[in-house]
Protein backbone atom coordinates (compact mmCIF):
# COMPACT_ATOMS: atom_id res chain seq x y z
CA MET A 1 19.07 107.83 -48.49
CA LEU A 2 15.42 108.60 -49.10
CA ASP A 3 14.73 108.91 -52.80
CA ASP A 4 13.22 112.02 -54.40
CA LYS A 5 9.78 110.45 -54.76
CA THR A 6 9.64 109.56 -51.06
CA LEU A 7 10.86 113.01 -50.02
CA ASN A 8 8.26 114.71 -52.21
CA ASN A 9 5.52 112.49 -50.78
CA LEU A 10 6.62 113.39 -47.25
CA LYS A 11 6.62 117.11 -48.07
CA ASP A 12 3.13 116.89 -49.56
CA PHE A 13 1.85 114.93 -46.57
CA ALA A 14 3.32 117.41 -44.06
CA LYS A 15 1.80 120.32 -45.97
CA ARG A 16 -1.63 118.68 -45.87
CA VAL A 17 -1.22 118.08 -42.16
CA ARG A 18 -0.37 121.74 -41.56
CA ARG A 19 -3.43 122.84 -43.55
CA ASP A 20 -5.56 120.45 -41.49
CA ILE A 21 -4.14 121.85 -38.24
CA VAL A 22 -4.75 125.47 -39.18
CA THR A 23 -8.26 124.72 -40.42
CA ALA A 24 -9.23 122.66 -37.37
CA VAL A 25 -8.07 125.33 -34.92
CA TYR A 26 -9.68 128.09 -37.00
CA LEU A 27 -13.05 126.33 -37.09
CA ALA A 28 -12.88 125.59 -33.36
CA LYS A 29 -11.86 129.17 -32.58
CA SER A 30 -9.49 127.67 -30.03
CA GLY A 31 -6.55 125.31 -29.82
CA HIS A 32 -2.77 125.13 -29.70
CA ILE A 33 -1.49 125.86 -33.16
CA GLY A 34 2.19 126.79 -32.76
CA GLY A 35 3.44 123.57 -31.19
CA ALA A 36 1.25 121.50 -33.49
CA LEU A 37 2.79 123.04 -36.61
CA SER A 38 6.33 122.54 -35.26
CA GLY A 39 5.88 118.76 -35.06
CA ALA A 40 4.27 118.10 -38.45
CA ASP A 41 7.47 116.95 -40.16
CA ILE A 42 8.45 114.60 -37.34
CA LEU A 43 5.06 112.89 -37.17
CA THR A 44 4.97 112.72 -40.96
CA VAL A 45 8.09 110.55 -40.91
CA LEU A 46 6.90 108.53 -37.93
CA TYR A 47 3.52 107.62 -39.40
CA ASN A 48 4.66 107.11 -42.98
CA LEU A 49 8.01 105.37 -42.56
CA SER A 50 9.13 104.59 -39.03
CA LEU A 51 6.26 103.27 -36.94
CA ASN A 52 4.42 99.97 -37.24
CA ILE A 53 0.91 101.18 -36.39
CA PRO A 54 -1.96 99.69 -38.43
CA ALA A 55 -4.68 102.10 -39.58
CA GLU A 56 -7.15 99.25 -38.99
CA TRP A 57 -6.14 99.58 -35.30
CA ASP A 58 -7.59 96.76 -33.16
CA LYS A 59 -9.06 95.07 -36.24
CA SER A 60 -5.54 94.29 -37.46
CA ASP A 61 -3.92 90.88 -36.98
CA ASP A 62 -0.74 92.74 -35.97
CA TYR A 63 -2.42 94.90 -33.35
CA GLU A 64 -0.64 93.47 -30.31
CA ASN A 65 2.75 93.96 -31.95
CA ARG A 66 2.09 97.57 -32.96
CA ASP A 67 4.50 100.29 -31.95
CA ARG A 68 3.09 102.60 -29.30
CA PHE A 69 3.02 106.39 -29.80
CA ILE A 70 2.28 108.79 -26.95
CA LEU A 71 1.66 112.49 -27.52
CA SER A 72 2.83 113.65 -24.10
CA LYS A 73 2.25 117.31 -25.04
CA GLY A 74 -1.44 116.54 -25.40
CA HIS A 75 -2.42 120.15 -26.04
CA ALA A 76 -0.95 119.68 -29.56
CA SER A 77 -3.78 117.26 -30.29
CA ALA A 78 -4.59 118.95 -33.62
CA LEU A 79 -1.26 117.59 -34.88
CA LEU A 80 -1.98 113.98 -33.95
CA TYR A 81 -5.58 114.12 -35.16
CA SER A 82 -4.51 115.56 -38.52
CA VAL A 83 -1.82 112.92 -39.05
CA LEU A 84 -4.17 110.08 -38.13
CA ALA A 85 -6.86 111.44 -40.45
CA GLU A 86 -4.41 111.80 -43.35
CA ARG A 87 -3.25 108.19 -42.76
CA GLY A 88 -6.82 106.91 -42.90
CA PHE A 89 -7.43 106.06 -39.24
CA PHE A 90 -10.72 107.96 -39.42
CA ASP A 91 -12.69 110.20 -41.79
CA LYS A 92 -11.09 113.62 -42.34
CA GLU A 93 -14.53 115.23 -42.03
CA LEU A 94 -14.25 114.67 -38.28
CA LEU A 95 -11.48 117.28 -38.15
CA LYS A 96 -14.19 119.92 -38.60
CA THR A 97 -15.59 118.95 -35.20
CA PHE A 98 -12.30 119.58 -33.34
CA ARG A 99 -12.91 120.81 -29.78
CA LYS A 100 -16.68 120.96 -30.31
CA ALA A 101 -19.08 119.67 -27.64
CA GLY A 102 -19.68 115.94 -28.10
CA SER A 103 -16.87 115.53 -30.62
CA LYS A 104 -14.48 112.59 -30.52
CA LEU A 105 -11.70 115.11 -31.18
CA GLN A 106 -11.44 116.82 -27.83
CA GLY A 107 -8.82 119.41 -26.94
CA HIS A 108 -6.62 116.67 -25.51
CA PRO A 109 -6.50 113.11 -26.90
CA SER A 110 -8.70 110.62 -25.10
CA ARG A 111 -8.21 106.87 -25.40
CA GLY A 112 -11.23 104.96 -26.67
CA TYR A 113 -12.71 107.79 -28.71
CA LEU A 114 -10.66 107.22 -31.85
CA PRO A 115 -8.38 104.55 -33.34
CA GLY A 116 -4.72 105.43 -32.95
CA ILE A 117 -4.92 106.99 -29.48
CA GLU A 118 -2.92 104.89 -27.00
CA VAL A 119 -3.46 106.92 -23.84
CA SER A 120 -5.29 110.02 -22.68
CA THR A 121 -2.83 112.89 -22.31
CA GLY A 122 -2.94 116.55 -21.41
CA SER A 123 -1.48 116.81 -17.91
CA LEU A 124 2.08 117.75 -18.83
CA GLY A 125 4.94 115.62 -17.56
CA GLN A 126 3.01 112.34 -17.52
CA GLY A 127 3.59 110.89 -20.99
CA LEU A 128 7.15 109.64 -20.53
CA GLY A 129 6.25 107.83 -17.30
CA MET A 130 3.40 106.07 -19.09
CA GLY A 131 5.78 105.24 -21.92
CA VAL A 132 8.30 103.72 -19.54
CA GLY A 133 5.55 101.54 -18.06
CA MET A 134 4.50 100.41 -21.54
CA ALA A 135 8.09 99.68 -22.57
CA LEU A 136 8.67 97.61 -19.44
CA GLY A 137 5.44 95.68 -20.03
CA LEU A 138 6.45 94.95 -23.61
CA LYS A 139 9.82 93.66 -22.40
CA LEU A 140 8.17 91.38 -19.86
CA ASN A 141 5.93 89.97 -22.63
CA ASN A 142 8.82 89.56 -25.08
CA ASN A 143 6.97 91.88 -27.46
CA PRO A 144 9.32 93.50 -30.04
CA ALA A 145 7.28 96.72 -30.33
CA LYS A 146 8.82 100.14 -29.69
CA VAL A 147 7.41 102.99 -27.62
CA VAL A 148 7.82 106.53 -28.93
CA VAL A 149 7.00 109.46 -26.65
CA TYR A 150 6.73 112.96 -28.09
CA LEU A 151 7.39 115.70 -25.55
CA GLY A 152 7.44 119.49 -25.56
CA ASP A 153 10.61 121.15 -24.33
CA GLY A 154 8.71 123.29 -21.82
CA GLU A 155 7.27 120.06 -20.49
CA LEU A 156 10.77 119.00 -19.43
CA GLN A 157 10.53 121.50 -16.60
CA GLU A 158 8.26 118.96 -14.86
CA GLY A 159 10.10 116.84 -12.29
CA ALA A 160 8.21 113.63 -13.09
CA VAL A 161 9.80 113.62 -16.56
CA TRP A 162 13.26 113.25 -15.05
CA GLU A 163 12.10 110.44 -12.76
CA ALA A 164 10.97 108.64 -15.92
CA PHE A 165 14.30 109.30 -17.65
CA MET A 166 16.06 107.73 -14.66
CA GLN A 167 13.76 104.73 -14.52
CA ALA A 168 14.11 103.98 -18.24
CA ALA A 169 17.88 103.84 -17.97
CA HIS A 170 17.76 101.85 -14.72
CA ARG A 171 15.50 99.26 -16.37
CA LYS A 172 17.70 99.20 -19.51
CA LEU A 173 14.71 99.93 -21.74
CA ASP A 174 16.25 99.92 -25.21
CA ASN A 175 12.71 99.85 -26.68
CA ILE A 176 11.77 103.44 -25.79
CA ILE A 177 12.46 106.58 -27.81
CA ALA A 178 11.81 110.08 -26.52
CA ILE A 179 11.45 112.84 -29.11
CA ILE A 180 11.72 116.36 -27.69
CA ASP A 181 10.17 119.18 -29.71
CA ARG A 182 12.87 121.77 -29.01
CA ASN A 183 11.19 124.87 -30.40
CA GLY A 184 12.46 126.94 -27.48
CA LEU A 185 9.11 128.53 -26.67
CA GLN A 186 6.31 127.84 -24.20
CA ILE A 187 3.18 129.72 -23.20
CA ASP A 188 5.15 132.10 -20.94
CA GLY A 189 7.91 132.82 -23.48
CA GLU A 190 11.39 131.39 -24.05
CA THR A 191 12.08 128.12 -22.22
CA GLU A 192 15.56 129.28 -21.29
CA LYS A 193 14.12 132.33 -19.54
CA VAL A 194 11.29 130.47 -17.80
CA THR A 195 13.41 127.59 -16.48
CA ALA A 196 16.60 126.86 -18.41
CA LEU A 197 17.06 123.37 -19.85
CA ASN A 198 20.51 123.66 -21.42
CA PRO A 199 22.82 121.82 -21.71
CA LEU A 200 19.90 119.45 -22.41
CA ASP A 201 21.90 116.84 -24.31
CA GLU A 202 24.48 116.52 -21.54
CA LYS A 203 21.77 116.21 -18.90
CA LEU A 204 20.08 113.38 -20.79
CA LYS A 205 23.37 111.58 -21.33
CA SER A 206 24.12 111.82 -17.62
CA PHE A 207 20.76 110.14 -16.99
CA GLY A 208 21.91 107.13 -19.04
CA TRP A 209 20.34 107.83 -22.43
CA ASN A 210 21.82 107.88 -25.91
CA VAL A 211 21.16 111.31 -27.39
CA GLU A 212 21.13 112.87 -30.86
CA ILE A 213 20.39 116.49 -31.80
CA ILE A 214 18.72 116.95 -35.18
CA ASP A 215 16.95 119.44 -37.42
CA GLY A 216 13.31 118.58 -36.74
CA HIS A 217 12.30 119.75 -40.21
CA ASP A 218 14.81 117.69 -42.20
CA PHE A 219 13.06 114.49 -43.30
CA GLN A 220 16.30 112.62 -43.98
CA GLN A 221 17.75 113.46 -40.56
CA ILE A 222 14.52 112.53 -38.82
CA PHE A 223 14.33 109.17 -40.60
CA ASP A 224 18.03 108.29 -40.15
CA THR A 225 17.97 109.14 -36.46
CA LEU A 226 14.81 107.15 -35.83
CA GLU A 227 16.39 104.12 -37.51
CA LYS A 228 19.43 104.54 -35.28
CA ALA A 229 17.21 104.91 -32.22
CA LYS A 230 15.33 101.70 -33.03
CA ASN A 231 18.63 99.81 -32.92
CA SER A 232 20.02 101.45 -29.81
CA SER A 233 21.24 99.40 -26.85
CA LYS A 234 19.95 102.07 -24.44
CA PRO A 235 16.95 104.38 -24.18
CA PHE A 236 17.28 106.94 -26.96
CA ALA A 237 16.42 110.65 -26.87
CA ILE A 238 16.11 112.78 -29.99
CA ILE A 239 16.36 116.53 -29.41
CA ALA A 240 14.63 117.93 -32.49
CA ASN A 241 15.34 121.60 -33.06
CA THR A 242 12.12 122.98 -34.55
CA ILE A 243 10.40 126.26 -35.32
CA LYS A 244 7.19 126.96 -33.43
CA GLY A 245 4.48 127.76 -35.98
CA LYS A 246 6.55 126.25 -38.81
CA GLY A 247 5.05 126.79 -42.26
CA VAL A 248 3.14 129.99 -41.55
CA SER A 249 5.52 132.94 -41.65
CA PHE A 250 3.71 135.23 -39.23
CA MET A 251 3.33 132.43 -36.67
CA GLU A 252 6.94 131.24 -36.76
CA ASN A 253 8.97 131.72 -33.56
CA GLN A 254 6.12 133.64 -31.91
CA ALA A 255 5.19 132.50 -28.40
CA GLY A 256 1.88 134.31 -28.79
CA TRP A 257 0.74 131.58 -31.19
CA HIS A 258 1.14 128.88 -28.54
CA GLY A 259 -2.58 128.72 -27.84
CA LYS A 260 -4.34 131.14 -30.17
CA ALA A 261 -6.74 130.61 -33.08
CA PRO A 262 -6.42 132.67 -36.28
CA ASN A 263 -9.13 135.12 -37.29
CA ASP A 264 -10.60 135.13 -40.81
CA GLU A 265 -7.83 137.26 -42.31
CA GLU A 266 -5.06 135.30 -40.60
CA TYR A 267 -6.61 131.99 -41.61
CA ASN A 268 -6.82 132.96 -45.27
CA ALA A 269 -3.23 134.20 -45.24
CA ALA A 270 -2.01 131.00 -43.56
CA ILE A 271 -3.81 128.70 -46.00
CA LYS A 272 -2.45 130.73 -48.92
CA GLU A 273 1.09 130.15 -47.64
CA LEU A 274 0.44 126.45 -47.16
């Protein structure tokens, strides 16, 4: 069990991340805020407890053995940037340049611009395939690192994702973990009305993966399930039930906040809540 001090530290970190996300998107006057806020608790656990990723990045002696994280839903870049900044990968002042011309913090993560970015993402449906390739390469090199791929649930409507699910099981890649942000909403509305995914857990199991369904805002569940996933004998998928726009009441469960920036009044109200 996580002790009270650890839980409080995680809560404080996640709150800072959400403030960073809202501020970055507000200053940019553009960005994808809803799906970034929904993942703050999951990435808080990943980057504080579960992943071996050095903030010194390629300057670290343990660089080659680092765990690999892929933000497959690259439009939620404000989430990854905010977490990396809070963990000290780069100066938080850079968050103010989010999506500005010439900034290293573009609308979708680009490898080589910043420490902590493994691959360039943004074209939905590609992240898991890249993760499978990484996991296979690590196996061939006898490298103990894990690969964690964070996907949106709407993204699972892409056929290439399911090819990657099949390949991971076929190659017996027990070093890959897929985390699905199951907030139930995408830019066009409810995922189940756009193209239904349920029963998602049964589909993933039939593709040869171990599967757990969790509350994506419960730090203890997130941590426990990640520990289980790291010791799995098969590829492991975590279906994390989340709330789009989590932390800002008027953004929660609203598909309209998928890719919208707050105005002055909305920004002040959101920061007050956070």
